[in-house]
Amino acid sequence: MSSATTPPPSGAAGPPDPVDGIGPFAYQWFLNGVAISGATTNPYIIEQVSSAVAGNSTVAVTNAAGSVTLNAGTIAVNGPGAPVFALQPFDKVVAPGGTFALAASAVGSGLSYQWYLNGSPLSGETGSILLRNTANAGDAGQYTVRVTNSDGVITSQPATVSLSQTASTLRNISVRTNAAPGQIVTPGFVIRGSGSKQILIRAIGPGLANFGVTGAMPNPKVTVYDEDQNVVATNDDWDSSLSAVFAGVGAFGIDPGSRDAATLVSLPANKAYTAQVTGADGQGGIVLLEVYDADTAPTSKLVNVSVRTNASAGADALIMGMSLQGTGKRTLLVRGVGPTLASFGVTNAITNPELTIFDTNQRSVLANDDWSNADFVYELLQATEFVGAFALGAGTGDAATLSLLDPGNYTIQITPTDNNDGEALAEIYEVP
């Protein structure tokens, strides 16, 4: 018989019990030690399931040499209010020493959770989210979670956690925008881990002409600040000595002597940084901002990247690119913030942004208009709190979504749904 399941109302069955020996065999099934009338076949079919069939099942198998009683398992019959999974845990690949979380969500009242690793219960892990910091070999394996209430019990599908030095992570982000004269475009990023990270930052204006772009910013300048507003790097016109670095991170080349800006800077981990980009001569235009992880053997990673600039319809949409590189899927919290910016003193914020994620084939992977209508809103709120993002206003038109993405290149587009242009903040957070 089967165990800990929610059987259908009819057609439930006990699977055949394998028996060694010489037949023919005779069978008699028992429930809680009492023979079941007419239950003399293998398998034994239960046509109508009710609470009366719940309990421990055994079967007596007899041949000419004698009889043996076998334990066939336990049947648990769930009631109408038994839990139902809305979200089950999924496989994770994590770098040694990294952080990972497994999440589950079930619908039902009076729920209790218990997590298991390789079939053994994990002490104290009785919430809907299991979190592990500084992952090591002892954390690898198959995880399940059992959810119980007074009407029944369900067990999740197994989720395999494996450790790999090549676990996927954000390796670069970019944003293309049409900046007004004198406008400052501000991408930001957060580094987590140990040591320092080599970061390549570029502001491409004249170099866009090679791609047929007209109206580019003629002389961009980039200045990098730490979280205490100290200037840690600045560049107006790039130095050709960086050409090898461009090739190493997969960035396209820039014509020697162009007035594009680029800087390679070593930044301590566990800090936030911003890179302000503007026209050195006060002129505006189309500019491409890029932030690359230039480490060949990283001990830290980019966990949050963002940019605030104008978002319009059509060709002037806020378009942010990102590259996930490595092994395994990665969960990201992606947001397009407009109305909530007013609480930070932004007076010309976009009133109703729409966020769309595209893959390299320009197919829409995920889209969201209003964050409160997103899938798995409860999990989205938990992720928002966990990564330290500011809360979005209740009932606002800000956009947000949780996305589970394979390694690859993606673009995020933010446009107004009501044709009202304005400032928007595009954000990407890595969720463990």
Protein backbone atom coordinates (compact mmCIF):
# COMPACT_ATOMS: atom_id res chain seq x y z
CA MET A 1 0.00 0.00 0.00
CA SER A 2 1.08 3.62 -0.36
CA SER A 3 1.79 6.07 2.44
CA ALA A 4 1.10 9.69 3.32
CA THR A 5 -0.85 10.62 0.19
CA THR A 6 -4.19 12.16 -0.66
CA PRO A 7 -5.96 9.30 -2.49
CA PRO A 8 -8.59 9.93 -5.16
CA PRO A 9 -12.21 9.11 -4.27
CA SER A 10 -12.11 5.92 -6.34
CA GLY A 11 -9.60 3.71 -8.08
CA ALA A 12 -7.03 3.85 -5.27
CA ALA A 13 -4.79 0.84 -5.12
CA GLY A 14 -2.18 -0.95 -3.08
CA PRO A 15 0.79 -1.68 -5.39
CA PRO A 16 1.72 -5.33 -5.91
CA ASP A 17 3.88 -6.79 -3.16
CA PRO A 18 6.92 -8.55 -4.67
CA VAL A 19 7.16 -12.11 -3.31
CA ASP A 20 9.99 -14.62 -3.74
CA GLY A 21 9.27 -18.34 -3.83
CA ILE A 22 7.29 -20.89 -5.78
CA GLY A 23 3.66 -20.16 -6.58
CA PRO A 24 0.82 -20.24 -6.76
CA PHE A 25 0.32 -17.70 -3.96
CA ALA A 26 -2.74 -16.80 -1.94
CA TYR A 27 -3.16 -13.32 -0.45
CA GLN A 28 -5.08 -11.84 2.47
CA TRP A 29 -4.85 -8.10 3.20
CA PHE A 30 -5.24 -6.68 6.73
CA LEU A 31 -5.95 -3.18 8.05
CA ASN A 32 -4.65 -2.51 11.56
CA GLY A 33 -4.39 -6.29 12.07
CA VAL A 34 -7.97 -7.05 10.99
CA ALA A 35 -8.59 -9.09 7.83
CA ILE A 36 -10.32 -7.10 5.08
CA SER A 37 -13.24 -9.03 3.65
CA GLY A 38 -12.68 -9.88 -0.02
CA ALA A 39 -9.15 -8.41 -0.10
CA THR A 40 -7.45 -11.47 -1.58
CA THR A 41 -5.77 -10.15 -4.75
CA ASN A 42 -2.41 -8.61 -5.49
CA PRO A 43 -2.60 -5.67 -5.99
CA TYR A 44 -5.53 -4.85 -3.74
CA ILE A 45 -7.79 -2.13 -5.25
CA ILE A 46 -9.72 0.26 -3.01
CA GLU A 47 -12.64 1.54 -5.07
CA GLN A 48 -13.95 4.15 -2.60
CA VAL A 49 -11.58 5.98 -0.26
CA SER A 50 -12.70 7.26 3.12
CA SER A 51 -11.24 7.66 6.58
CA ALA A 52 -12.23 4.03 7.24
CA VAL A 53 -9.31 2.79 5.09
CA ALA A 54 -6.65 4.81 6.94
CA GLY A 55 -4.11 2.91 9.00
CA ASN A 56 -1.37 0.29 8.87
CA SER A 57 -1.68 -2.29 6.11
CA THR A 58 -0.23 -5.81 6.03
CA VAL A 59 -0.65 -8.74 3.71
CA ALA A 60 -0.38 -12.49 4.42
CA VAL A 61 1.10 -14.42 1.51
CA THR A 62 0.68 -18.20 1.45
CA ASN A 63 1.98 -21.04 -0.71
CA ALA A 64 2.43 -24.78 -0.26
CA ALA A 65 5.46 -24.25 1.99
CA GLY A 66 3.74 -21.91 4.45
CA SER A 67 2.70 -18.31 5.08
CA VAL A 68 4.46 -14.99 5.71
CA THR A 69 3.03 -11.60 6.73
CA LEU A 70 4.53 -8.50 5.10
CA ASN A 71 4.22 -4.87 6.17
CA ALA A 72 2.75 -2.97 3.20
CA GLY A 73 2.91 0.55 4.67
CA THR A 74 0.53 3.16 5.96
CA ILE A 75 -2.40 4.86 4.26
CA ALA A 76 -3.11 8.44 5.35
CA VAL A 77 -6.42 9.79 4.09
CA ASN A 78 -6.44 13.57 3.94
CA GLY A 79 -9.60 15.49 4.72
CA PRO A 80 -11.12 18.27 2.58
CA GLY A 81 -9.12 20.94 4.42
CA ALA A 82 -5.74 19.25 3.94
CA PRO A 83 -2.84 21.48 2.84
CA VAL A 84 -2.18 22.06 -0.86
CA PHE A 85 1.17 23.31 -2.16
CA ALA A 86 1.19 26.71 -3.87
CA LEU A 87 5.00 26.76 -4.08
CA GLN A 88 7.45 23.88 -3.75
CA PRO A 89 11.23 24.08 -3.20
CA PHE A 90 13.44 23.75 -6.27
CA ASP A 91 17.04 22.73 -6.94
CA LYS A 92 19.84 25.13 -5.95
CA VAL A 93 23.50 25.39 -6.94
CA VAL A 94 25.47 27.40 -4.39
CA ALA A 95 29.12 28.36 -4.10
CA PRO A 96 30.99 26.95 -1.06
CA GLY A 97 30.66 29.46 1.76
CA GLY A 98 27.65 31.07 0.10
CA THR A 99 24.07 31.54 1.24
CA PHE A 100 21.00 29.70 0.00
CA ALA A 101 17.34 29.54 0.95
CA LEU A 102 14.63 27.00 0.18
CA ALA A 103 11.02 28.10 0.28
CA ALA A 104 7.64 26.40 0.30
CA SER A 105 4.13 27.73 0.59
CA ALA A 106 0.92 25.82 1.16
CA VAL A 107 -2.75 26.78 1.25
CA GLY A 108 -4.70 25.68 4.31
CA SER A 109 -5.38 26.58 7.93
CA GLY A 110 -3.33 25.69 10.99
CA LEU A 111 -0.26 24.70 8.98
CA SER A 112 2.99 23.41 10.45
CA TYR A 113 6.20 22.79 8.50
CA GLN A 114 9.08 20.37 8.99
CA TRP A 115 12.13 20.27 6.71
CA TYR A 116 14.14 17.11 6.00
CA LEU A 117 17.63 16.56 4.57
CA ASN A 118 18.12 13.19 2.90
CA GLY A 119 15.06 11.90 4.77
CA SER A 120 16.14 13.02 8.25
CA PRO A 121 14.28 15.83 10.06
CA LEU A 122 16.24 19.06 10.57
CA SER A 123 16.02 20.30 14.14
CA GLY A 124 14.39 23.70 14.45
CA GLU A 125 13.58 24.00 10.73
CA THR A 126 9.83 24.39 11.11
CA GLY A 127 9.13 27.47 9.01
CA SER A 128 8.16 27.92 5.38
CA ILE A 129 11.73 29.09 4.55
CA LEU A 130 14.96 27.25 5.28
CA LEU A 131 18.08 29.45 5.24
CA ARG A 132 21.72 28.37 5.27
CA ASN A 133 24.69 30.71 5.51
CA THR A 134 28.32 29.71 4.76
CA ALA A 135 27.21 26.57 2.93
CA ASN A 136 29.48 23.53 3.23
CA ALA A 137 29.50 19.91 2.12
CA GLY A 138 27.16 18.94 4.96
CA ASP A 139 24.45 21.15 3.45
CA ALA A 140 24.44 19.33 0.12
CA GLY A 141 21.74 16.76 -0.55
CA GLN A 142 18.01 16.33 -1.10
CA TYR A 143 15.61 18.51 0.87
CA THR A 144 11.89 17.98 1.37
CA VAL A 145 9.35 19.73 3.53
CA ARG A 146 6.31 18.15 5.15
CA VAL A 147 3.28 20.37 5.74
CA THR A 148 0.64 19.23 8.22
CA ASN A 149 -2.67 20.36 9.65
CA SER A 150 -5.58 18.62 11.34
CA ASP A 151 -6.97 17.43 7.99
CA GLY A 152 -3.86 15.87 6.52
CA VAL A 153 -0.22 15.93 5.56
CA ILE A 154 1.63 16.56 2.29
CA THR A 155 5.30 16.15 1.41
CA SER A 156 7.02 18.28 -1.21
CA GLN A 157 8.97 17.10 -4.19
CA PRO A 158 12.68 16.79 -3.38
CA ALA A 159 14.98 19.76 -4.07
CA THR A 160 18.65 19.00 -4.60
CA VAL A 161 21.23 21.44 -3.22
CA SER A 162 24.71 21.05 -4.70
CA LEU A 163 27.91 23.03 -4.14
CA SER A 164 29.95 24.37 -7.05
CA GLN A 165 32.67 26.97 -7.43
CA THR A 166 30.98 27.97 -10.68
CA ALA A 167 27.52 28.65 -9.22
CA SER A 168 25.77 31.23 -11.39
CA THR A 169 25.87 34.89 -10.43
CA LEU A 170 25.43 38.36 -11.92
CA ARG A 171 28.53 39.19 -13.95
CA ASN A 172 27.52 42.42 -15.66
CA ILE A 173 24.69 44.90 -16.07
CA SER A 174 24.11 47.68 -18.54
CA VAL A 175 21.56 50.39 -19.18
CA ARG A 176 20.89 52.50 -22.24
CA THR A 177 19.12 55.79 -21.74
CA ASN A 178 18.60 59.13 -23.46
CA ALA A 179 19.89 61.64 -20.91
CA ALA A 180 18.80 65.28 -21.00
CA PRO A 181 21.51 67.99 -21.01
CA GLY A 182 22.97 68.23 -17.51
CA GLN A 183 21.10 65.11 -16.31
CA ILE A 184 23.02 62.75 -14.03
CA VAL A 185 22.35 59.04 -14.55
CA THR A 186 23.14 57.00 -11.44
CA PRO A 187 23.67 53.23 -11.59
CA GLY A 188 24.31 51.58 -8.22
CA PHE A 189 25.61 48.19 -7.14
CA VAL A 190 26.34 46.20 -3.98
CA ILE A 191 29.25 43.77 -3.50
CA ARG A 192 29.04 40.89 -1.00
CA GLY A 193 31.72 38.38 -0.03
CA SER A 194 35.33 38.73 1.04
CA GLY A 195 38.32 40.77 -0.11
CA SER A 196 37.98 43.25 -2.96
CA LYS A 197 36.46 43.01 -6.42
CA GLN A 198 37.77 44.33 -9.72
CA ILE A 199 34.96 46.30 -11.37
CA LEU A 200 35.05 47.70 -14.89
CA ILE A 201 32.67 50.64 -15.42
CA ARG A 202 32.06 52.18 -18.84
CA ALA A 203 29.96 55.07 -20.17
CA ILE A 204 29.71 54.72 -23.95
CA GLY A 205 28.56 57.62 -26.11
CA PRO A 206 30.64 58.14 -29.28
CA GLY A 207 31.32 54.38 -29.45
CA LEU A 208 27.62 53.77 -30.15
CA ALA A 209 28.06 55.21 -33.65
CA ASN A 210 29.61 51.86 -34.67
CA PHE A 211 26.19 50.32 -34.01
CA GLY A 212 24.28 52.88 -36.06
CA VAL A 213 23.10 54.91 -33.05
CA THR A 214 22.61 58.61 -33.71
CA GLY A 215 22.18 61.34 -31.11
CA ALA A 216 24.69 59.79 -28.69
CA MET A 217 26.16 61.73 -25.76
CA PRO A 218 29.37 63.21 -27.26
CA ASN A 219 31.55 63.24 -24.13
CA PRO A 220 30.35 61.14 -21.17
CA LYS A 221 32.11 61.23 -17.80
CA VAL A 222 31.85 58.65 -15.00
CA THR A 223 32.54 59.13 -11.27
CA VAL A 224 32.38 56.25 -8.75
CA TYR A 225 31.35 56.89 -5.12
CA ASP A 226 31.34 54.57 -2.13
CA GLU A 227 28.43 54.43 0.33
CA ASP A 228 29.97 57.31 2.33
CA GLN A 229 29.98 59.49 -0.80
CA ASN A 230 33.75 59.37 -1.14
CA VAL A 231 35.02 59.51 -4.74
CA VAL A 232 36.89 56.24 -5.42
CA ALA A 233 37.41 56.60 -9.18
CA THR A 234 36.69 59.00 -12.04
CA ASN A 235 37.26 59.10 -15.79
CA ASP A 236 36.44 61.43 -18.64
CA ASP A 237 38.23 59.95 -21.68
CA TRP A 238 39.19 56.27 -21.52
CA ASP A 239 42.74 54.92 -21.67
CA SER A 240 43.63 52.39 -24.38
CA SER A 241 45.48 50.27 -21.79
CA LEU A 242 42.03 48.94 -20.80
CA SER A 243 41.51 47.23 -24.17
CA ALA A 244 42.68 43.88 -22.79
CA VAL A 245 40.28 44.19 -19.86
CA PHE A 246 37.41 44.83 -22.30
CA ALA A 247 38.26 41.63 -24.16
CA GLY A 248 38.59 39.67 -20.91
CA VAL A 249 35.04 40.46 -19.77
CA GLY A 250 33.52 40.12 -23.25
CA ALA A 251 32.83 43.84 -23.75
CA PHE A 252 32.89 45.25 -27.28
CA GLY A 253 35.90 47.33 -28.28
CA ILE A 254 36.03 51.12 -28.41
CA ASP A 255 37.85 53.13 -31.07
CA PRO A 256 41.19 54.50 -29.79
CA GLY A 257 41.00 58.19 -28.98
CA SER A 258 37.20 58.24 -28.62
CA ARG A 259 35.70 60.34 -25.83
CA ASP A 260 33.96 57.43 -24.18
CA ALA A 261 34.64 56.91 -20.46
CA ALA A 262 35.93 53.76 -18.73
CA THR A 263 37.62 52.93 -15.44
CA LEU A 264 38.85 49.76 -13.74
CA VAL A 265 38.67 49.98 -9.97
CA SER A 266 39.26 47.58 -7.05
CA LEU A 267 36.41 47.91 -4.54
CA PRO A 268 36.16 46.36 -1.04
CA ALA A 269 33.34 43.87 -0.59
CA ASN A 270 30.30 44.34 1.67
CA LYS A 271 29.70 47.91 0.58
CA ALA A 272 27.34 49.78 -1.75
CA TYR A 273 28.58 51.98 -4.61
CA THR A 274 27.16 54.39 -7.16
CA ALA A 275 28.55 55.48 -10.53
CA GLN A 276 27.33 58.89 -11.66
CA VAL A 277 27.37 59.48 -15.40
CA THR A 278 26.82 62.83 -17.11
CA GLY A 279 28.03 64.81 -20.10
CA ALA A 280 31.45 66.31 -19.30
CA ASP A 281 30.53 69.26 -21.53
CA GLY A 282 26.97 69.53 -20.26
CA GLN A 283 25.47 67.93 -23.36
CA GLY A 284 22.95 65.12 -23.20
CA GLY A 285 22.19 62.24 -25.55
CA ILE A 286 21.99 58.48 -25.69
CA VAL A 287 24.51 56.77 -23.39
CA LEU A 288 25.20 53.14 -22.55
CA LEU A 289 26.31 52.49 -18.97
CA GLU A 290 28.02 49.20 -18.15
CA VAL A 291 29.25 47.56 -14.94
CA TYR A 292 31.34 44.38 -15.32
CA ASP A 293 32.66 41.93 -12.72
CA ALA A 294 36.27 41.76 -13.94
CA ASP A 295 37.53 39.17 -11.43
CA THR A 296 38.86 35.92 -12.89
CA ALA A 297 38.65 34.05 -9.54
CA PRO A 298 36.09 36.00 -7.53
CA THR A 299 35.72 35.74 -3.76
CA SER A 300 32.83 38.22 -3.82
CA LYS A 301 29.94 38.96 -6.16
CA LEU A 302 27.44 41.56 -7.30
CA VAL A 303 24.20 40.95 -5.40
CA ASN A 304 22.25 44.13 -6.20
CA VAL A 305 22.40 46.47 -9.19
CA SER A 306 20.16 49.41 -9.99
CA VAL A 307 19.83 52.52 -12.11
CA ARG A 308 17.63 55.58 -11.84
CA THR A 309 16.87 57.57 -14.96
CA ASN A 310 14.01 58.71 -17.20
CA ALA A 311 11.63 56.08 -18.60
CA SER A 312 9.61 56.84 -21.72
CA ALA A 313 7.70 54.90 -24.31
CA GLY A 314 9.17 53.54 -27.53
CA ALA A 315 12.86 54.06 -28.29
CA ASP A 316 13.40 55.99 -25.05
CA ALA A 317 12.30 53.15 -22.78
CA LEU A 318 14.54 52.41 -19.79
CA ILE A 319 16.35 49.28 -20.97
CA MET A 320 18.60 47.44 -18.52
CA GLY A 321 20.69 44.45 -19.55
CA MET A 322 22.10 41.75 -17.29
CA SER A 323 24.23 38.64 -17.68
CA LEU A 324 23.97 35.56 -15.47
CA GLN A 325 27.03 33.34 -15.81
CA GLY A 326 27.87 30.01 -14.20
CA THR A 327 26.03 26.83 -13.22
CA GLY A 328 22.41 26.50 -12.10
CA LYS A 329 19.32 28.67 -12.04
CA ARG A 330 19.24 31.88 -10.02
CA THR A 331 16.32 33.62 -8.30
CA LEU A 332 16.19 37.37 -8.84
CA LEU A 333 13.92 40.07 -7.48
CA VAL A 334 13.41 42.58 -10.31
CA ARG A 335 11.62 45.88 -9.74
CA GLY A 336 10.58 48.94 -11.74
CA VAL A 337 9.85 51.63 -9.14
CA GLY A 338 7.99 54.85 -9.91
CA PRO A 339 5.23 56.02 -7.53
CA THR A 340 7.11 54.98 -4.35
CA LEU A 341 9.99 57.32 -5.37
CA ALA A 342 7.79 60.21 -4.26
CA SER A 343 8.41 59.19 -0.64
CA PHE A 344 12.12 59.89 -1.30
CA GLY A 345 11.47 63.38 -2.63
CA VAL A 346 11.38 62.57 -6.36
CA THR A 347 8.79 64.91 -7.87
CA ASN A 348 8.73 63.72 -11.49
CA ALA A 349 8.54 59.93 -11.02
CA ILE A 350 6.81 57.74 -13.55
CA THR A 351 3.26 57.10 -12.32
CA ASN A 352 2.57 53.59 -13.61
CA PRO A 353 5.60 51.62 -14.85
CA GLU A 354 5.41 48.27 -16.59
CA LEU A 355 8.33 45.84 -16.30
CA THR A 356 9.14 43.16 -18.89
CA ILE A 357 12.07 40.70 -18.90
CA PHE A 358 13.25 39.46 -22.32
CA ASP A 359 15.68 36.65 -23.15
CA THR A 360 18.33 36.82 -25.89
CA ASN A 361 15.69 35.91 -28.50
CA GLN A 362 13.57 38.88 -27.41
CA ARG A 363 10.91 36.59 -26.01
CA SER A 364 9.08 37.89 -22.97
CA VAL A 365 10.05 35.77 -19.96
CA LEU A 366 8.12 37.64 -17.26
CA ALA A 367 6.10 40.83 -17.08
CA ASN A 368 4.39 42.84 -14.36
CA ASP A 369 2.37 46.03 -14.23
CA ASP A 370 1.36 46.40 -10.57
CA TRP A 371 3.44 44.54 -7.98
CA SER A 372 0.45 43.58 -5.82
CA ASN A 373 -0.83 41.48 -8.77
CA ALA A 374 2.43 39.55 -9.16
CA ASP A 375 2.60 35.78 -8.75
CA PHE A 376 3.65 34.66 -5.25
CA VAL A 377 3.17 38.08 -3.67
CA TYR A 378 3.82 36.71 -0.17
CA GLU A 379 7.16 35.27 -1.27
CA LEU A 380 7.94 38.52 -3.09
CA LEU A 381 7.39 40.46 0.14
CA GLN A 382 9.61 38.04 2.06
CA ALA A 383 12.35 38.36 -0.56
CA THR A 384 12.07 42.15 -0.45
CA GLU A 385 12.66 42.13 3.29
CA PHE A 386 15.43 39.54 3.12
CA VAL A 387 17.55 41.40 0.53
CA GLY A 388 17.07 44.71 2.33
CA ALA A 389 15.10 46.47 -0.40
CA PHE A 390 12.82 49.32 0.64
CA ALA A 391 9.11 48.47 0.79
CA LEU A 392 6.84 49.46 -2.09
CA GLY A 393 3.77 51.48 -1.25
CA ALA A 394 0.56 49.53 -0.74
CA GLY A 395 -1.65 49.68 -3.83
CA THR A 396 0.89 51.66 -5.85
CA GLY A 397 1.54 51.12 -9.55
CA ASP A 398 5.17 50.10 -8.98
CA ALA A 399 6.19 46.91 -10.79
CA ALA A 400 8.03 43.90 -9.31
CA THR A 401 8.44 40.19 -9.91
CA LEU A 402 10.37 37.19 -8.62
CA SER A 403 12.09 35.40 -11.49
CA LEU A 404 13.85 32.04 -11.66
CA LEU A 405 16.30 32.34 -14.56
CA ASP A 406 18.78 30.07 -16.29
CA PRO A 407 22.28 31.39 -16.98
CA GLY A 408 22.25 33.71 -20.00
CA ASN A 409 21.75 37.29 -21.11
CA TYR A 410 18.54 39.20 -20.45
CA THR A 411 17.11 42.67 -20.92
CA ILE A 412 14.66 44.45 -18.63
CA GLN A 413 12.45 47.09 -20.13
CA ILE A 414 10.52 49.68 -18.13
CA THR A 415 7.91 51.79 -19.88
CA PRO A 416 4.91 53.87 -18.76
CA THR A 417 1.54 52.21 -19.20
CA ASP A 418 -0.27 55.57 -19.23
CA ASN A 419 2.07 57.48 -21.60
CA ASN A 420 3.27 59.65 -18.70
CA ASP A 421 7.08 59.73 -18.82
CA GLY A 422 9.14 60.22 -15.69
CA GLU A 423 11.97 59.07 -13.46
CA ALA A 424 12.10 55.33 -12.76
CA LEU A 425 14.36 53.12 -10.66
CA ALA A 426 15.24 49.73 -12.15
CA GLU A 427 16.56 47.21 -9.59
CA ILE A 428 17.89 43.64 -9.66
CA TYR A 429 18.52 41.73 -6.41
CA GLU A 430 19.96 38.25 -6.12
CA VAL A 431 17.74 36.20 -3.80
CA PRO A 432 19.59 33.30 -2.09
